[in-house]
Amino acid sequence: MVALARKTLVYEWRRFLPAILAVGFAGLLQLLQAALVLGIFGSASVYITGSSADLWAGYPGTQSVNLGRPIDAGVEMRLRMDPAVSQVEPFHWVDADWRGPNDTGGVSVFVSGIDTRAEGMLFAHALPVGLRARLNEPDAVIVDRADLGSLGVKVGDKAVINGHRVRVVGVSSGLRALGGVNVVASLATAAELDTDPANVNRMTYFVAKLRNPAQAEAVAARLRGTTAFGSYDVWTARDFARRSQLYWMFDTGAGAGVLFLAGIVFLVGAVITSQTLVAAVIGSVREYATLNALGVGVGALRKVVMEQAFWVGAIGLVGSAVLGGIFFAFARSRSVPVALDPLTTAACLLLGMGLAIVSGLAAMRSLRRADPASLLR
């Protein structure tokens, strides 16, 4: 009977084509939606994932990296005193207003003041050593290549941040931030751009590298166990990145909208696929009735329908995976924030296969019309 299911798909492919397209389109939407969600919300933690630090020290209760507040300089000394820490760097965050040379109006930007040394941890994965060294020039800044249009500049142009003139000395990829434009500068330049005099000598975060990164959880717990150096908290890079992403996904309400949209896509896909499978089964009801008259039980006919549903799902999902890869590559080439991991991809494909199986179960009800008596009509 399994061979019958496959042969029916081959010879009656026109009947099953709409169902295959429905499953494929639903699977493609799920993949693209997941890629956009992971890419967009993943950019909320680009400061963390783009850096090589193992620990982040910041203001207690900070929900996302972009919501940091200045902490006491003594925290740096506390980190350096721990024998497990091999390197410490300050991170100066400045909320600023950008005025470009062209008529783009004011643009809200996030200025990231970092250590410009070659072994610097902040944005180590996004800034090559040569590009990083350019930040040593007075008033030099670097922006993401995809943000040049919104900022209205190109490499070499000058702009004004918080009333201070700066010059774009280079561009890179992987600097785009969620909720605003990220501008990278040296610690000295960031201090000049900070309009709050009280924060000039106070940093937003201190990041640290450990001699043994596997001990990050234990070291973080040990470092946060004292208040002698001011009010602060310590997170591992992995925990702080997850914390930032979850804040944007759920606490801002954006995640609920994404989940609602995913449910709508699944529901619409299930309705369309089930209706096309039902139509295909009804179209072959006389053949099923003939098989029933020859002694093939209804249970065996149900297995044929479910086998057909499985192959409809498999073929549709193969197509969606191929198209998804093409759209994914195109989006990356256009600097669209997309990201996919094997686990998420597998979950989307399994969800699409579940859609096909549910549709097959709905189509099985049409077998009630496969009564041998119907052949006499």
Foldseek 3Di string as FASTA:
>chain_A
DLVVLVVCCVVVVVLLVLLLQLLLVLLLVLLQLQFQLCQQLLLQLLQLVLFDFFKKKAFPPDQGPLRFDWWFPLLQVLQVPDPFFDDKWFWAWAFKWKFFPDPLPIFTEIEIATALQQPTGGSVNKAHNVRSVVLVPPQEKEFAPLCCVNRVHDAQGWIAIQNRIHGYPYHTHSQQHHPGTYMYHHLVNSLVRHPDVVCSPTGRMMTTHGPDSVCSVVVQVVSCPDQPRHGMHMDTSVVNSVSNSVCVLPVVPVVVVSVVVSVVSLVVSLVSSLVSLLVSCLVCLQVLLVVVVVPDDLVVVLVSLLSSLQVSLVSSNVSSVVVSVVVVVVCVVSSNRTDDDPVSSVVSSVSSSVSSNSSSVSSSVSNVSSHNVVVVD
